[in-house]
């Protein structure tokens, strides 16, 4: 038996899922561009950020069931 550490597949699955979540990622990037000049600190892109990662997590969850 090898002494290798087990490899966490989550990072691999996340990277493989990111191309399936391009639309939410582009919406997040567009939001960042829109609020870049905000000095007040009241504007944010939290919703778009979570939409993107929700898409990735959903994809990872589906992909991990295949193993």
C-alpha atoms as a PDB file:
ATOM      1  CA  UNK A   1       0.000   0.000   0.000  1.00  0.00           C
ATOM      2  CA  UNK A   2       1.385   3.404  -0.939  1.00  0.00           C
ATOM      3  CA  UNK A   3       2.074   6.121   1.607  1.00  0.00           C
ATOM      4  CA  UNK A   4       0.502   8.746  -0.649  1.00  0.00           C
ATOM      5  CA  UNK A   5      -1.912  11.201   0.870  1.00  0.00           C
ATOM      6  CA  UNK A   6      -5.479  10.877  -0.365  1.00  0.00           C
ATOM      7  CA  UNK A   7      -6.330  13.461  -3.000  1.00  0.00           C
ATOM      8  CA  UNK A   8      -9.336  15.679  -2.452  1.00  0.00           C
ATOM      9  CA  UNK A   9     -11.399  15.457  -5.619  1.00  0.00           C
ATOM     10  CA  UNK A  10     -13.451  18.568  -4.802  1.00  0.00           C
ATOM     11  CA  UNK A  11     -10.946  21.008  -6.305  1.00  0.00           C
ATOM     12  CA  UNK A  12     -10.761  18.947  -9.492  1.00  0.00           C
ATOM     13  CA  UNK A  13     -14.552  18.736  -9.683  1.00  0.00           C
ATOM     14  CA  UNK A  14     -14.911  22.489  -9.062  1.00  0.00           C
ATOM     15  CA  UNK A  15     -12.506  23.285 -11.881  1.00  0.00           C
ATOM     16  CA  UNK A  16     -14.290  20.902 -14.234  1.00  0.00           C
ATOM     17  CA  UNK A  17     -17.655  22.461 -13.331  1.00  0.00           C
ATOM     18  CA  UNK A  18     -16.661  26.105 -13.801  1.00  0.00           C
ATOM     19  CA  UNK A  19     -17.142  26.007 -17.605  1.00  0.00           C
ATOM     20  CA  UNK A  20     -20.746  24.925 -16.997  1.00  0.00           C
ATOM     21  CA  UNK A  21     -21.322  28.030 -14.858  1.00  0.00           C
ATOM     22  CA  UNK A  22     -20.066  30.722 -17.213  1.00  0.00           C
ATOM     23  CA  UNK A  23     -23.259  32.812 -17.211  1.00  0.00           C
ATOM     24  CA  UNK A  24     -23.303  33.414 -13.415  1.00  0.00           C
ATOM     25  CA  UNK A  25     -19.553  34.071 -13.501  1.00  0.00           C
ATOM     26  CA  UNK A  26     -19.945  36.687 -16.239  1.00  0.00           C
ATOM     27  CA  UNK A  27     -22.768  38.310 -14.270  1.00  0.00           C
ATOM     28  CA  UNK A  28     -20.459  38.459 -11.236  1.00  0.00           C
ATOM     29  CA  UNK A  29     -17.654  40.001 -13.326  1.00  0.00           C
ATOM     30  CA  UNK A  30     -20.076  42.561 -14.806  1.00  0.00           C
ATOM     31  CA  UNK A  31     -21.210  43.517 -11.305  1.00  0.00           C
ATOM     32  CA  UNK A  32     -17.610  44.003 -10.196  1.00  0.00           C
ATOM     33  CA  UNK A  33     -17.061  46.330 -13.156  1.00  0.00           C
ATOM     34  CA  UNK A  34     -20.236  48.295 -12.343  1.00  0.00           C
ATOM     35  CA  UNK A  35     -19.340  48.940  -8.718  1.00  0.00           C
ATOM     36  CA  UNK A  36     -15.608  49.455  -9.141  1.00  0.00           C
ATOM     37  CA  UNK A  37     -15.849  53.193  -8.553  1.00  0.00           C
ATOM     38  CA  UNK A  38     -18.106  52.956  -5.485  1.00  0.00           C
ATOM     39  CA  UNK A  39     -16.493  54.899  -2.663  1.00  0.00           C
ATOM     40  CA  UNK A  40     -19.396  54.471  -0.244  1.00  0.00           C
ATOM     41  CA  UNK A  41     -18.935  50.744   0.258  1.00  0.00           C
ATOM     42  CA  UNK A  42     -22.690  50.171   0.039  1.00  0.00           C
ATOM     43  CA  UNK A  43     -22.669  48.433  -3.333  1.00  0.00           C
ATOM     44  CA  UNK A  44     -21.626  44.807  -3.496  1.00  0.00           C
ATOM     45  CA  UNK A  45     -21.796  41.699  -5.682  1.00  0.00           C
ATOM     46  CA  UNK A  46     -22.520  39.163  -2.971  1.00  0.00           C
ATOM     47  CA  UNK A  47     -25.632  37.847  -4.712  1.00  0.00           C
ATOM     48  CA  UNK A  48     -23.820  37.263  -7.990  1.00  0.00           C
ATOM     49  CA  UNK A  49     -20.881  35.694  -6.159  1.00  0.00           C
ATOM     50  CA  UNK A  50     -23.148  33.215  -4.395  1.00  0.00           C
ATOM     51  CA  UNK A  51     -25.095  32.520  -7.604  1.00  0.00           C
ATOM     52  CA  UNK A  52     -21.845  31.495  -9.301  1.00  0.00           C
ATOM     53  CA  UNK A  53     -20.685  29.248  -6.459  1.00  0.00           C
ATOM     54  CA  UNK A  54     -24.159  27.786  -6.053  1.00  0.00           C
ATOM     55  CA  UNK A  55     -23.992  26.704  -9.690  1.00  0.00           C
ATOM     56  CA  UNK A  56     -20.530  25.185  -9.173  1.00  0.00           C
ATOM     57  CA  UNK A  57     -21.612  23.422  -5.964  1.00  0.00           C
ATOM     58  CA  UNK A  58     -24.706  21.998  -7.658  1.00  0.00           C
ATOM     59  CA  UNK A  59     -22.568  20.663 -10.498  1.00  0.00           C
ATOM     60  CA  UNK A  60     -20.007  19.190  -8.064  1.00  0.00           C
ATOM     61  CA  UNK A  61     -22.783  17.549  -6.086  1.00  0.00           C
ATOM     62  CA  UNK A  62     -24.186  15.963  -9.231  1.00  0.00           C
ATOM     63  CA  UNK A  63     -20.749  14.887 -10.467  1.00  0.00           C
ATOM     64  CA  UNK A  64     -19.749  13.383  -7.117  1.00  0.00           C
ATOM     65  CA  UNK A  65     -22.835  11.141  -7.183  1.00  0.00           C
ATOM     66  CA  UNK A  66     -21.438   9.540 -10.310  1.00  0.00           C
ATOM     67  CA  UNK A  67     -18.457   8.148  -8.381  1.00  0.00           C
END
